[in-house]
Amino acid sequence: MPKKIFLNIFFLLPDFLFRLIGQFSKIVIRGHALDDQTNIFLKFIPIKTLKDSNEESIKSIRKSFEKSSGLINIAAKPTSKVSFKDIDIGNGLIIRKYSPSILKSTKSILYFHGGGYIFGSINTHHNIVMYYASFLGVEIYSLDYSLSPENKFPIALDDACKAYNWMLDKNINSNEISLCGDSAGAHLAASLTNKLLKDSKDLPGSQLLIYPMVSPSCDFKSFDDFGNGFYLTASNMKWMWKKFKNKNDDFENPCFDLLKTDINSNNFPKTLIVTAGFDVLCDEAEKYAYLLHQKSINIRQLHYPSLIHGFASMSRLRKAKLAVDHFLDEYEKIL
């Protein structure tokens, strides 16, 4: 409770105070300064080193993450009323349907939460999806897919395929579906697109990939530049890829390593990729965006140089909210 009260006060403090404090702890990398409010906020976020975590400690971290997300909301409030309900789409696989009171479009979004395929759930990302649904005025289906290491690749992808087919069975046309996800969820969205492409299935109309995991190689300069101190660490990201991998052949699978994507379709979904400047994943996401660009895909990258990985979940931070509202405005154009 004291932490919740403190954060509520923190989010109300004026910008000039953050700029004043920021003068003494300014962080500039690659010619860009970390947002002052975000910089101070980072000091209150506990960052756990995961390399020694076993199965029991992973479950404990999951419970802690779920509990804290329920107690402390750091996402912006919905702009209008949104109702939601959980639906079992078969064999205990749950999808949560969000229905805004003001519908602006007949399109539907299939959403995948982040968390490195190890953590996160429809509950940890509930407030985020509520905001997206209200802002965009579309129905969103958020999937509670299976987590690793209990369920390694490609089990989460199988869940995503089931959810996509379930929506098609509900008479939602494929081009009326948009895929969306953040971090691991963005990887899952792009992975699903690659799977559908490989199997010659009907593709979704568009996809929004928010600071996506892209390649298990983790061989990018951003891992050196932003590997520590900016919420997602390089060592934790490498650990999560290892826990997610099932076998060595996965490295050649375009549904696992998105940089192996081989596009041979003129109907590839319109794609919007969001990147953050102070993020270990920014270089691989940019490389993936360039790969799609080379294939003449309708692709745009929106880069927010002063923000960190996870900022879309932290939209009570002023610069983060401005960025979220901006990329949602752009997303609306390709839905």
C-alpha atoms as a PDB file:
ATOM      1  CA  MET A   1       0.000   0.000   0.000  1.00  0.00           C
ATOM      2  CA  PRO A   2       2.751   2.572   0.809  1.00  0.00           C
ATOM      3  CA  LYS A   3       4.355   1.829  -2.581  1.00  0.00           C
ATOM      4  CA  LYS A   4       1.042   2.360  -4.354  1.00  0.00           C
ATOM      5  CA  ILE A   5       0.531   5.705  -2.603  1.00  0.00           C
ATOM      6  CA  PHE A   6       4.089   6.753  -3.406  1.00  0.00           C
ATOM      7  CA  LEU A   7       3.701   5.903  -7.105  1.00  0.00           C
ATOM      8  CA  ASN A   8       0.380   7.729  -7.338  1.00  0.00           C
ATOM      9  CA  ILE A   9       2.125  10.836  -6.015  1.00  0.00           C
ATOM     10  CA  PHE A  10       5.136  10.241  -8.286  1.00  0.00           C
ATOM     11  CA  PHE A  11       3.001  10.185 -11.429  1.00  0.00           C
ATOM     12  CA  LEU A  12       1.467  13.560 -10.434  1.00  0.00           C
ATOM     13  CA  LEU A  13       4.756  15.406  -9.906  1.00  0.00           C
ATOM     14  CA  PRO A  14       5.372  18.242 -12.408  1.00  0.00           C
ATOM     15  CA  ASP A  15       7.773  17.898 -15.339  1.00  0.00           C
ATOM     16  CA  PHE A  16      10.062  20.693 -14.179  1.00  0.00           C
ATOM     17  CA  LEU A  17      10.858  18.712 -11.027  1.00  0.00           C
ATOM     18  CA  PHE A  18      11.944  15.686 -13.075  1.00  0.00           C
ATOM     19  CA  ARG A  19      14.056  17.923 -15.318  1.00  0.00           C
ATOM     20  CA  LEU A  20      15.669  19.465 -12.249  1.00  0.00           C
ATOM     21  CA  ILE A  21      16.494  16.103 -10.690  1.00  0.00           C
ATOM     22  CA  GLY A  22      17.520  14.750 -14.076  1.00  0.00           C
ATOM     23  CA  GLN A  23      20.322  17.303 -14.374  1.00  0.00           C
ATOM     24  CA  PHE A  24      22.245  15.304 -11.774  1.00  0.00           C
ATOM     25  CA  SER A  25      21.677  11.850 -13.283  1.00  0.00           C
ATOM     26  CA  LYS A  26      21.466  12.449 -17.034  1.00  0.00           C
ATOM     27  CA  ILE A  27      22.066   9.325 -19.158  1.00  0.00           C
ATOM     28  CA  VAL A  28      23.038   9.860 -22.798  1.00  0.00           C
ATOM     29  CA  ILE A  29      23.754   6.908 -25.121  1.00  0.00           C
ATOM     30  CA  ARG A  30      23.952   6.992 -28.913  1.00  0.00           C
ATOM     31  CA  GLY A  31      23.342  10.712 -28.769  1.00  0.00           C
ATOM     32  CA  HIS A  32      19.966  10.442 -27.032  1.00  0.00           C
ATOM     33  CA  ALA A  33      19.066  11.192 -23.422  1.00  0.00           C
ATOM     34  CA  LEU A  34      16.908   8.871 -21.362  1.00  0.00           C
ATOM     35  CA  ASP A  35      13.611  10.512 -20.399  1.00  0.00           C
ATOM     36  CA  ASP A  36      14.037  12.126 -16.950  1.00  0.00           C
ATOM     37  CA  GLN A  37      10.853  10.738 -15.417  1.00  0.00           C
ATOM     38  CA  THR A  38      11.608   7.262 -16.755  1.00  0.00           C
ATOM     39  CA  ASN A  39      15.166   7.511 -15.439  1.00  0.00           C
ATOM     40  CA  ILE A  40      13.920   8.198 -11.915  1.00  0.00           C
ATOM     41  CA  PHE A  41      11.163   5.583 -12.182  1.00  0.00           C
ATOM     42  CA  LEU A  42      13.737   2.908 -13.043  1.00  0.00           C
ATOM     43  CA  LYS A  43      15.283   3.330  -9.607  1.00  0.00           C
ATOM     44  CA  PHE A  44      12.061   1.972  -8.055  1.00  0.00           C
ATOM     45  CA  ILE A  45      11.789  -1.122 -10.274  1.00  0.00           C
ATOM     46  CA  PRO A  46      13.430  -4.235  -8.825  1.00  0.00           C
ATOM     47  CA  ILE A  47      15.391  -6.044 -11.545  1.00  0.00           C
ATOM     48  CA  LYS A  48      16.029  -9.704 -10.759  1.00  0.00           C
ATOM     49  CA  THR A  49      18.861 -11.714 -12.298  1.00  0.00           C
ATOM     50  CA  LEU A  50      17.225 -14.847 -13.669  1.00  0.00           C
ATOM     51  CA  LYS A  51      20.192 -17.042 -14.599  1.00  0.00           C
ATOM     52  CA  ASP A  52      20.016 -19.176 -11.451  1.00  0.00           C
ATOM     53  CA  SER A  53      16.210 -19.455 -11.377  1.00  0.00           C
ATOM     54  CA  ASN A  54      14.801 -22.980 -11.226  1.00  0.00           C
ATOM     55  CA  GLU A  55      11.247 -24.095 -12.002  1.00  0.00           C
ATOM     56  CA  GLU A  56       9.945 -23.364  -8.510  1.00  0.00           C
ATOM     57  CA  SER A  57      11.452 -19.871  -8.373  1.00  0.00           C
ATOM     58  CA  ILE A  58      10.033 -19.142 -11.830  1.00  0.00           C
ATOM     59  CA  LYS A  59       6.552 -19.988 -10.551  1.00  0.00           C
ATOM     60  CA  SER A  60       7.134 -17.748  -7.541  1.00  0.00           C
ATOM     61  CA  ILE A  61       8.213 -14.826  -9.745  1.00  0.00           C
ATOM     62  CA  ARG A  62       5.119 -15.331 -11.901  1.00  0.00           C
ATOM     63  CA  LYS A  63       2.853 -15.138  -8.856  1.00  0.00           C
ATOM     64  CA  SER A  64       4.640 -12.028  -7.609  1.00  0.00           C
ATOM     65  CA  PHE A  65       4.377 -10.368 -11.030  1.00  0.00           C
ATOM     66  CA  GLU A  66       0.668 -11.162 -11.249  1.00  0.00           C
ATOM     67  CA  LYS A  67       0.010  -9.910  -7.723  1.00  0.00           C
ATOM     68  CA  SER A  68       1.887  -6.622  -8.186  1.00  0.00           C
ATOM     69  CA  SER A  69       0.175  -5.901 -11.513  1.00  0.00           C
ATOM     70  CA  GLY A  70      -3.172  -6.284  -9.750  1.00  0.00           C
ATOM     71  CA  LEU A  71      -2.248  -3.986  -6.899  1.00  0.00           C
ATOM     72  CA  ILE A  72      -0.322  -1.276  -8.733  1.00  0.00           C
ATOM     73  CA  ASN A  73      -1.512  -0.053 -12.126  1.00  0.00           C
ATOM     74  CA  ILE A  74       1.128   1.850 -14.095  1.00  0.00           C
ATOM     75  CA  ALA A  75      -0.873   1.866 -17.340  1.00  0.00           C
ATOM     76  CA  ALA A  76      -3.091   4.744 -18.398  1.00  0.00           C
ATOM     77  CA  LYS A  77      -6.808   4.486 -17.644  1.00  0.00           C
ATOM     78  CA  PRO A  78      -9.217   3.592 -20.476  1.00  0.00           C
ATOM     79  CA  THR A  79     -10.717   6.561 -22.286  1.00  0.00           C
ATOM     80  CA  SER A  80     -14.199   4.955 -22.290  1.00  0.00           C
ATOM     81  CA  LYS A  81     -15.986   1.978 -20.746  1.00  0.00           C
ATOM     82  CA  VAL A  82     -14.751  -1.479 -21.773  1.00  0.00           C
ATOM     83  CA  SER A  83     -16.419  -4.761 -20.809  1.00  0.00           C
ATOM     84  CA  PHE A  84     -14.590  -8.081 -20.866  1.00  0.00           C
ATOM     85  CA  LYS A  85     -15.209 -11.783 -20.440  1.00  0.00           C
ATOM     86  CA  ASP A  86     -13.089 -14.936 -20.437  1.00  0.00           C
ATOM     87  CA  ILE A  87     -13.850 -17.630 -22.999  1.00  0.00           C
ATOM     88  CA  ASP A  88     -12.582 -21.217 -22.997  1.00  0.00           C
ATOM     89  CA  ILE A  89     -11.824 -21.932 -26.651  1.00  0.00           C
ATOM     90  CA  GLY A  90     -11.028 -25.579 -25.980  1.00  0.00           C
ATOM     91  CA  ASN A  91      -8.963 -27.750 -23.638  1.00  0.00           C
ATOM     92  CA  GLY A  92      -8.690 -25.012 -21.049  1.00  0.00           C
ATOM     93  CA  LEU A  93      -7.132 -22.456 -23.418  1.00  0.00           C
ATOM     94  CA  ILE A  94      -8.520 -19.083 -22.342  1.00  0.00           C
ATOM     95  CA  ILE A  95      -9.030 -15.983 -24.422  1.00  0.00           C
ATOM     96  CA  ARG A  96     -10.275 -12.739 -22.892  1.00  0.00           C
ATOM     97  CA  LYS A  97     -12.579 -10.675 -25.082  1.00  0.00           C
ATOM     98  CA  TYR A  98     -12.591  -6.897 -24.602  1.00  0.00           C
ATOM     99  CA  SER A  99     -15.558  -4.962 -25.971  1.00  0.00           C
ATOM    100  CA  PRO A 100     -15.419  -1.155 -25.860  1.00  0.00           C
ATOM    101  CA  SER A 101     -18.690   0.702 -25.360  1.00  0.00           C
ATOM    102  CA  ILE A 102     -17.846   2.870 -28.375  1.00  0.00           C
ATOM    103  CA  LEU A 103     -17.015   0.748 -31.424  1.00  0.00           C
ATOM    104  CA  LYS A 104     -15.179   2.588 -34.195  1.00  0.00           C
ATOM    105  CA  SER A 105     -14.440  -0.420 -36.399  1.00  0.00           C
ATOM    106  CA  THR A 106     -15.617  -3.929 -37.225  1.00  0.00           C
ATOM    107  CA  LYS A 107     -11.996  -5.130 -37.156  1.00  0.00           C
ATOM    108  CA  SER A 108     -10.762  -7.431 -34.381  1.00  0.00           C
ATOM    109  CA  ILE A 109      -7.345  -7.673 -32.737  1.00  0.00           C
ATOM    110  CA  LEU A 110      -5.738 -10.887 -31.508  1.00  0.00           C
ATOM    111  CA  TYR A 111      -3.347  -9.819 -28.751  1.00  0.00           C
ATOM    112  CA  PHE A 112      -0.388 -11.630 -27.188  1.00  0.00           C
ATOM    113  CA  HIS A 113       1.129 -10.430 -23.915  1.00  0.00           C
ATOM    114  CA  GLY A 114       4.848 -10.023 -23.237  1.00  0.00           C
ATOM    115  CA  GLY A 115       7.044 -11.580 -20.574  1.00  0.00           C
ATOM    116  CA  GLY A 116       9.788 -13.419 -22.455  1.00  0.00           C
ATOM    117  CA  TYR A 117       7.543 -16.461 -22.939  1.00  0.00           C
ATOM    118  CA  ILE A 118       8.288 -17.221 -19.265  1.00  0.00           C
ATOM    119  CA  PHE A 119       6.178 -14.651 -17.405  1.00  0.00           C
ATOM    120  CA  GLY A 120       3.031 -12.615 -17.943  1.00  0.00           C
ATOM    121  CA  SER A 121      -0.615 -13.486 -18.517  1.00  0.00           C
ATOM    122  CA  ILE A 122      -3.887 -11.953 -19.608  1.00  0.00           C
ATOM    123  CA  ASN A 123      -4.114 -10.586 -16.057  1.00  0.00           C
ATOM    124  CA  THR A 124      -0.711  -8.850 -15.984  1.00  0.00           C
ATOM    125  CA  HIS A 125      -1.581  -7.096 -19.256  1.00  0.00           C
ATOM    126  CA  HIS A 126      -5.256  -6.509 -18.494  1.00  0.00           C
ATOM    127  CA  ASN A 127      -4.987  -2.756 -17.918  1.00  0.00           C
ATOM    128  CA  ILE A 128      -2.884  -2.278 -21.037  1.00  0.00           C
ATOM    129  CA  VAL A 129      -5.399  -4.070 -23.262  1.00  0.00           C
ATOM    130  CA  MET A 130      -8.284  -2.174 -21.647  1.00  0.00           C
ATOM    131  CA  TYR A 131      -6.615   1.070 -22.695  1.00  0.00           C
ATOM    132  CA  TYR A 132      -5.917  -0.163 -26.232  1.00  0.00           C
ATOM    133  CA  ALA A 133      -9.525  -1.308 -26.681  1.00  0.00           C
ATOM    134  CA  SER A 134     -10.944   2.000 -25.486  1.00  0.00           C
ATOM    135  CA  PHE A 135      -8.505   4.098 -27.534  1.00  0.00           C
ATOM    136  CA  LEU A 136      -8.931   2.160 -30.778  1.00  0.00           C
ATOM    137  CA  GLY A 137     -12.623   1.358 -30.384  1.00  0.00           C
ATOM    138  CA  VAL A 138     -12.168  -2.258 -31.516  1.00  0.00           C
ATOM    139  CA  GLU A 139     -12.754  -5.647 -29.953  1.00  0.00           C
ATOM    140  CA  ILE A 140      -9.567  -7.267 -28.690  1.00  0.00           C
ATOM    141  CA  TYR A 141      -9.044 -10.936 -27.920  1.00  0.00           C
ATOM    142  CA  SER A 142      -6.161 -11.456 -25.487  1.00  0.00           C
ATOM    143  CA  LEU A 143      -4.756 -15.000 -25.399  1.00  0.00           C
ATOM    144  CA  ASP A 144      -3.485 -16.677 -22.234  1.00  0.00           C
ATOM    145  CA  TYR A 145      -0.989 -18.856 -24.103  1.00  0.00           C
ATOM    146  CA  SER A 146       1.187 -21.594 -22.549  1.00  0.00           C
ATOM    147  CA  LEU A 147       4.442 -20.479 -20.912  1.00  0.00           C
ATOM    148  CA  SER A 148       7.900 -22.025 -20.966  1.00  0.00           C
ATOM    149  CA  PRO A 149      10.011 -23.705 -19.744  1.00  0.00           C
ATOM    150  CA  GLU A 150       7.129 -26.120 -19.014  1.00  0.00           C
ATOM    151  CA  ASN A 151       5.857 -25.515 -22.550  1.00  0.00           C
ATOM    152  CA  LYS A 152       8.736 -24.922 -24.931  1.00  0.00           C
ATOM    153  CA  PHE A 153       8.614 -23.809 -28.569  1.00  0.00           C
ATOM    154  CA  PRO A 154       6.347 -24.271 -30.504  1.00  0.00           C
ATOM    155  CA  ILE A 155       3.561 -24.871 -27.949  1.00  0.00           C
ATOM    156  CA  ALA A 156       2.724 -21.154 -27.549  1.00  0.00           C
ATOM    157  CA  LEU A 157       2.596 -20.915 -31.349  1.00  0.00           C
ATOM    158  CA  ASP A 158       0.191 -23.862 -31.446  1.00  0.00           C
ATOM    159  CA  ASP A 159      -2.000 -21.989 -28.965  1.00  0.00           C
ATOM    160  CA  ALA A 160      -1.861 -18.883 -31.162  1.00  0.00           C
ATOM    161  CA  CYS A 161      -2.910 -20.932 -34.205  1.00  0.00           C
ATOM    162  CA  LYS A 162      -5.862 -22.344 -32.244  1.00  0.00           C
ATOM    163  CA  ALA A 163      -6.929 -18.824 -31.231  1.00  0.00           C
ATOM    164  CA  TYR A 164      -6.633 -17.541 -34.805  1.00  0.00           C
ATOM    165  CA  ASN A 165      -8.644 -20.471 -36.177  1.00  0.00           C
ATOM    166  CA  TRP A 166     -11.235 -19.996 -33.427  1.00  0.00           C
ATOM    167  CA  MET A 167     -11.719 -16.402 -34.588  1.00  0.00           C
ATOM    168  CA  LEU A 168     -12.093 -17.568 -38.196  1.00  0.00           C
ATOM    169  CA  ASP A 169     -14.683 -20.094 -37.014  1.00  0.00           C
ATOM    170  CA  LYS A 170     -16.585 -17.160 -35.484  1.00  0.00           C
ATOM    171  CA  ASN A 171     -16.986 -15.844 -39.051  1.00  0.00           C
ATOM    172  CA  ILE A 172     -14.339 -13.152 -38.631  1.00  0.00           C
ATOM    173  CA  ASN A 173     -12.578 -12.800 -41.996  1.00  0.00           C
ATOM    174  CA  SER A 174      -8.797 -13.087 -41.879  1.00  0.00           C
ATOM    175  CA  ASN A 175      -8.305  -9.617 -43.383  1.00  0.00           C
ATOM    176  CA  GLU A 176     -10.499  -8.240 -40.580  1.00  0.00           C
ATOM    177  CA  ILE A 177      -8.066  -9.620 -37.993  1.00  0.00           C
ATOM    178  CA  SER A 178      -4.995  -7.751 -36.821  1.00  0.00           C
ATOM    179  CA  LEU A 179      -2.263  -9.334 -34.715  1.00  0.00           C
ATOM    180  CA  CYS A 180      -0.684  -7.375 -31.892  1.00  0.00           C
ATOM    181  CA  GLY A 181       1.766  -8.088 -29.108  1.00  0.00           C
ATOM    182  CA  ASP A 182       4.570  -6.661 -27.018  1.00  0.00           C
ATOM    183  CA  SER A 183       8.046  -8.167 -26.573  1.00  0.00           C
ATOM    184  CA  ALA A 184       7.572 -11.970 -26.567  1.00  0.00           C
ATOM    185  CA  GLY A 185       3.964 -11.350 -27.592  1.00  0.00           C
ATOM    186  CA  ALA A 186       5.186  -9.397 -30.614  1.00  0.00           C
ATOM    187  CA  HIS A 187       7.462 -12.322 -31.480  1.00  0.00           C
ATOM    188  CA  LEU A 188       4.465 -14.649 -31.182  1.00  0.00           C
ATOM    189  CA  ALA A 189       2.381 -12.425 -33.470  1.00  0.00           C
ATOM    190  CA  ALA A 190       5.104 -12.386 -36.151  1.00  0.00           C
ATOM    191  CA  SER A 191       5.732 -16.108 -35.586  1.00  0.00           C
ATOM    192  CA  LEU A 192       2.043 -16.810 -36.233  1.00  0.00           C
ATOM    193  CA  THR A 193       2.194 -14.801 -39.454  1.00  0.00           C
ATOM    194  CA  ASN A 194       5.215 -16.853 -40.584  1.00  0.00           C
ATOM    195  CA  LYS A 195       3.449 -20.102 -39.678  1.00  0.00           C
ATOM    196  CA  LEU A 196       0.352 -19.116 -41.667  1.00  0.00           C
ATOM    197  CA  LEU A 197       2.588 -18.083 -44.563  1.00  0.00           C
ATOM    198  CA  LYS A 198       4.437 -21.403 -44.490  1.00  0.00           C
ATOM    199  CA  ASP A 199       1.176 -23.386 -44.391  1.00  0.00           C
ATOM    200  CA  SER A 200      -0.403 -21.279 -47.180  1.00  0.00           C
ATOM    201  CA  LYS A 201      -3.213 -20.169 -44.874  1.00  0.00           C
ATOM    202  CA  ASP A 202      -5.160 -16.911 -45.017  1.00  0.00           C
ATOM    203  CA  LEU A 203      -3.085 -14.124 -43.507  1.00  0.00           C
ATOM    204  CA  PRO A 204      -4.260 -11.373 -41.125  1.00  0.00           C
ATOM    205  CA  GLY A 205      -4.704  -7.891 -42.505  1.00  0.00           C
ATOM    206  CA  SER A 206      -2.129  -6.171 -40.294  1.00  0.00           C
ATOM    207  CA  GLN A 207       0.159  -6.543 -37.303  1.00  0.00           C
ATOM    208  CA  LEU A 208       1.555  -4.248 -34.613  1.00  0.00           C
ATOM    209  CA  LEU A 209       4.816  -5.489 -33.103  1.00  0.00           C
ATOM    210  CA  ILE A 210       5.780  -3.554 -29.971  1.00  0.00           C
ATOM    211  CA  TYR A 211       9.518  -3.800 -29.169  1.00  0.00           C
ATOM    212  CA  PRO A 212       9.586  -7.423 -30.413  1.00  0.00           C
ATOM    213  CA  MET A 213      11.917 -10.253 -29.493  1.00  0.00           C
ATOM    214  CA  VAL A 214      13.299 -11.197 -32.893  1.00  0.00           C
ATOM    215  CA  SER A 215      16.402 -13.380 -32.878  1.00  0.00           C
ATOM    216  CA  PRO A 216      17.839 -15.870 -30.354  1.00  0.00           C
ATOM    217  CA  SER A 217      21.372 -14.990 -31.478  1.00  0.00           C
ATOM    218  CA  CYS A 218      21.352 -11.978 -29.110  1.00  0.00           C
ATOM    219  CA  ASP A 219      24.334 -10.785 -31.146  1.00  0.00           C
ATOM    220  CA  PHE A 220      23.540  -7.105 -31.477  1.00  0.00           C
ATOM    221  CA  LYS A 221      25.323  -3.963 -30.333  1.00  0.00           C
ATOM    222  CA  SER A 222      22.264  -2.900 -28.342  1.00  0.00           C
ATOM    223  CA  PHE A 223      22.970  -5.836 -26.009  1.00  0.00           C
ATOM    224  CA  ASP A 224      26.236  -4.101 -25.105  1.00  0.00           C
ATOM    225  CA  ASP A 225      24.910  -0.545 -25.058  1.00  0.00           C
ATOM    226  CA  PHE A 226      21.707  -1.189 -23.071  1.00  0.00           C
ATOM    227  CA  GLY A 227      22.450  -4.524 -21.415  1.00  0.00           C
ATOM    228  CA  ASN A 228      22.093  -3.300 -17.831  1.00  0.00           C
ATOM    229  CA  GLY A 229      20.053  -0.719 -15.974  1.00  0.00           C
ATOM    230  CA  PHE A 230      17.150  -0.254 -18.391  1.00  0.00           C
ATOM    231  CA  TYR A 231      14.573  -2.766 -17.122  1.00  0.00           C
ATOM    232  CA  LEU A 232      15.223  -5.638 -19.564  1.00  0.00           C
ATOM    233  CA  THR A 233      18.801  -6.865 -19.188  1.00  0.00           C
ATOM    234  CA  ALA A 234      20.931  -8.657 -21.769  1.00  0.00           C
ATOM    235  CA  SER A 235      21.618 -11.617 -19.459  1.00  0.00           C
ATOM    236  CA  ASN A 236      17.905 -12.101 -18.680  1.00  0.00           C
ATOM    237  CA  MET A 237      17.017 -11.941 -22.372  1.00  0.00           C
ATOM    238  CA  LYS A 238      19.592 -14.618 -23.231  1.00  0.00           C
ATOM    239  CA  TRP A 239      18.309 -16.770 -20.356  1.00  0.00           C
ATOM    240  CA  MET A 240      14.718 -16.511 -21.588  1.00  0.00           C
ATOM    241  CA  TRP A 241      15.651 -17.580 -25.121  1.00  0.00           C
ATOM    242  CA  LYS A 242      17.447 -20.630 -23.683  1.00  0.00           C
ATOM    243  CA  LYS A 243      14.401 -21.575 -21.602  1.00  0.00           C
ATOM    244  CA  PHE A 244      12.115 -21.156 -24.610  1.00  0.00           C
ATOM    245  CA  LYS A 245      14.228 -23.201 -27.065  1.00  0.00           C
ATOM    246  CA  ASN A 246      13.239 -26.829 -27.517  1.00  0.00           C
ATOM    247  CA  LYS A 247      15.994 -28.125 -29.828  1.00  0.00           C
ATOM    248  CA  ASN A 248      18.881 -26.810 -31.903  1.00  0.00           C
ATOM    249  CA  ASP A 249      16.866 -27.077 -35.120  1.00  0.00           C
ATOM    250  CA  ASP A 250      14.708 -24.247 -33.796  1.00  0.00           C
ATOM    251  CA  PHE A 251      17.439 -21.780 -34.736  1.00  0.00           C
ATOM    252  CA  GLU A 252      16.707 -22.388 -38.436  1.00  0.00           C
ATOM    253  CA  ASN A 253      12.948 -22.059 -38.026  1.00  0.00           C
ATOM    254  CA  PRO A 254      11.556 -18.665 -39.166  1.00  0.00           C
ATOM    255  CA  CYS A 255       8.862 -19.009 -36.514  1.00  0.00           C
ATOM    256  CA  PHE A 256      11.633 -19.046 -33.885  1.00  0.00           C
ATOM    257  CA  ASP A 257      14.227 -16.716 -35.427  1.00  0.00           C
ATOM    258  CA  LEU A 258      12.288 -14.047 -37.296  1.00  0.00           C
ATOM    259  CA  LEU A 259      15.420 -13.033 -39.209  1.00  0.00           C
ATOM    260  CA  LYS A 260      15.038 -16.333 -41.093  1.00  0.00           C
ATOM    261  CA  THR A 261      11.724 -15.082 -42.515  1.00  0.00           C
ATOM    262  CA  ASP A 262      11.379 -15.859 -46.233  1.00  0.00           C
ATOM    263  CA  ILE A 263       8.469 -13.937 -47.698  1.00  0.00           C
ATOM    264  CA  ASN A 264       6.904 -15.238 -50.911  1.00  0.00           C
ATOM    265  CA  SER A 265       3.459 -13.680 -50.646  1.00  0.00           C
ATOM    266  CA  ASN A 266       1.971 -10.446 -51.922  1.00  0.00           C
ATOM    267  CA  ASN A 267      -0.571 -10.525 -49.087  1.00  0.00           C
ATOM    268  CA  PHE A 268       1.850 -10.167 -46.186  1.00  0.00           C
ATOM    269  CA  PRO A 269       0.093  -8.100 -43.490  1.00  0.00           C
ATOM    270  CA  LYS A 270       0.722  -4.381 -43.208  1.00  0.00           C
ATOM    271  CA  THR A 271       3.213  -4.096 -40.380  1.00  0.00           C
ATOM    272  CA  LEU A 272       3.993  -1.479 -37.760  1.00  0.00           C
ATOM    273  CA  ILE A 273       7.066  -2.052 -35.571  1.00  0.00           C
ATOM    274  CA  VAL A 274       7.642  -0.019 -32.415  1.00  0.00           C
ATOM    275  CA  THR A 275      11.122   0.322 -30.925  1.00  0.00           C
ATOM    276  CA  ALA A 276      12.543   2.060 -27.859  1.00  0.00           C
ATOM    277  CA  GLY A 277      15.953   3.729 -27.780  1.00  0.00           C
ATOM    278  CA  PHE A 278      17.138   2.337 -24.432  1.00  0.00           C
ATOM    279  CA  ASP A 279      16.224  -1.282 -25.177  1.00  0.00           C
ATOM    280  CA  VAL A 280      18.465  -4.307 -25.706  1.00  0.00           C
ATOM    281  CA  LEU A 281      16.027  -5.430 -28.441  1.00  0.00           C
ATOM    282  CA  CYS A 282      16.058  -2.248 -30.517  1.00  0.00           C
ATOM    283  CA  ASP A 283      18.766  -3.319 -32.993  1.00  0.00           C
ATOM    284  CA  GLU A 284      17.254  -6.697 -33.835  1.00  0.00           C
ATOM    285  CA  ALA A 285      13.808  -5.135 -34.268  1.00  0.00           C
ATOM    286  CA  GLU A 286      15.281  -2.562 -36.644  1.00  0.00           C
ATOM    287  CA  LYS A 287      17.041  -5.310 -38.577  1.00  0.00           C
ATOM    288  CA  TYR A 288      13.740  -7.191 -38.895  1.00  0.00           C
ATOM    289  CA  ALA A 289      11.995  -4.026 -40.061  1.00  0.00           C
ATOM    290  CA  TYR A 290      14.680  -3.569 -42.723  1.00  0.00           C
ATOM    291  CA  LEU A 291      14.283  -7.210 -43.820  1.00  0.00           C
ATOM    292  CA  LEU A 292      10.577  -6.621 -44.410  1.00  0.00           C
ATOM    293  CA  HIS A 293      11.335  -3.342 -46.173  1.00  0.00           C
ATOM    294  CA  GLN A 294      13.705  -5.144 -48.552  1.00  0.00           C
ATOM    295  CA  LYS A 295      10.869  -7.537 -49.395  1.00  0.00           C
ATOM    296  CA  SER A 296       8.667  -4.548 -50.356  1.00  0.00           C
ATOM    297  CA  ILE A 297       6.317  -5.154 -47.430  1.00  0.00           C
ATOM    298  CA  ASN A 298       4.104  -2.283 -46.240  1.00  0.00           C
ATOM    299  CA  ILE A 299       6.221  -1.679 -43.135  1.00  0.00           C
ATOM    300  CA  ARG A 300       6.780   1.291 -40.825  1.00  0.00           C
ATOM    301  CA  GLN A 301       9.049   1.542 -37.823  1.00  0.00           C
ATOM    302  CA  LEU A 302       8.243   4.023 -35.061  1.00  0.00           C
ATOM    303  CA  HIS A 303      11.246   4.696 -32.834  1.00  0.00           C
ATOM    304  CA  TYR A 304      11.069   6.412 -29.434  1.00  0.00           C
ATOM    305  CA  PRO A 305      14.714   7.159 -28.577  1.00  0.00           C
ATOM    306  CA  SER A 306      14.246   8.373 -24.980  1.00  0.00           C
ATOM    307  CA  LEU A 307      12.226   5.377 -23.725  1.00  0.00           C
ATOM    308  CA  ILE A 308      12.900   1.859 -22.424  1.00  0.00           C
ATOM    309  CA  HIS A 309      11.686  -1.654 -23.117  1.00  0.00           C
ATOM    310  CA  GLY A 310       8.266  -2.087 -21.527  1.00  0.00           C
ATOM    311  CA  PHE A 311       7.228   1.556 -21.824  1.00  0.00           C
ATOM    312  CA  ALA A 312       3.851   0.577 -23.304  1.00  0.00           C
ATOM    313  CA  SER A 313       3.030  -1.032 -19.959  1.00  0.00           C
ATOM    314  CA  MET A 314       4.103   2.138 -18.135  1.00  0.00           C
ATOM    315  CA  SER A 315       1.876   4.687 -19.818  1.00  0.00           C
ATOM    316  CA  ARG A 316       1.269   6.668 -16.637  1.00  0.00           C
ATOM    317  CA  LEU A 317       4.756   8.002 -17.365  1.00  0.00           C
ATOM    318  CA  ARG A 318       4.158  11.098 -19.490  1.00  0.00           C
ATOM    319  CA  LYS A 319       6.588  10.427 -22.345  1.00  0.00           C
ATOM    320  CA  ALA A 320       5.478   6.803 -22.444  1.00  0.00           C
ATOM    321  CA  LYS A 321       1.816   7.791 -22.784  1.00  0.00           C
ATOM    322  CA  LEU A 322       2.618  10.227 -25.582  1.00  0.00           C
ATOM    323  CA  ALA A 323       4.422   7.422 -27.393  1.00  0.00           C
ATOM    324  CA  VAL A 324       1.609   4.898 -26.802  1.00  0.00           C
ATOM    325  CA  ASP A 325      -1.033   7.321 -28.054  1.00  0.00           C
ATOM    326  CA  HIS A 326       1.124   8.089 -31.093  1.00  0.00           C
ATOM    327  CA  PHE A 327       1.691   4.480 -32.137  1.00  0.00           C
ATOM    328  CA  LEU A 328      -1.980   3.645 -31.526  1.00  0.00           C
ATOM    329  CA  ASP A 329      -2.942   6.546 -33.803  1.00  0.00           C
ATOM    330  CA  GLU A 330      -0.678   5.096 -36.481  1.00  0.00           C
ATOM    331  CA  TYR A 331      -1.942   1.567 -35.827  1.00  0.00           C
ATOM    332  CA  GLU A 332      -5.516   2.730 -36.375  1.00  0.00           C
ATOM    333  CA  LYS A 333      -4.552   3.715 -39.928  1.00  0.00           C
ATOM    334  CA  ILE A 334      -3.595   0.156 -40.917  1.00  0.00           C
ATOM    335  CA  LEU A 335      -6.302  -1.770 -39.030  1.00  0.00           C
END
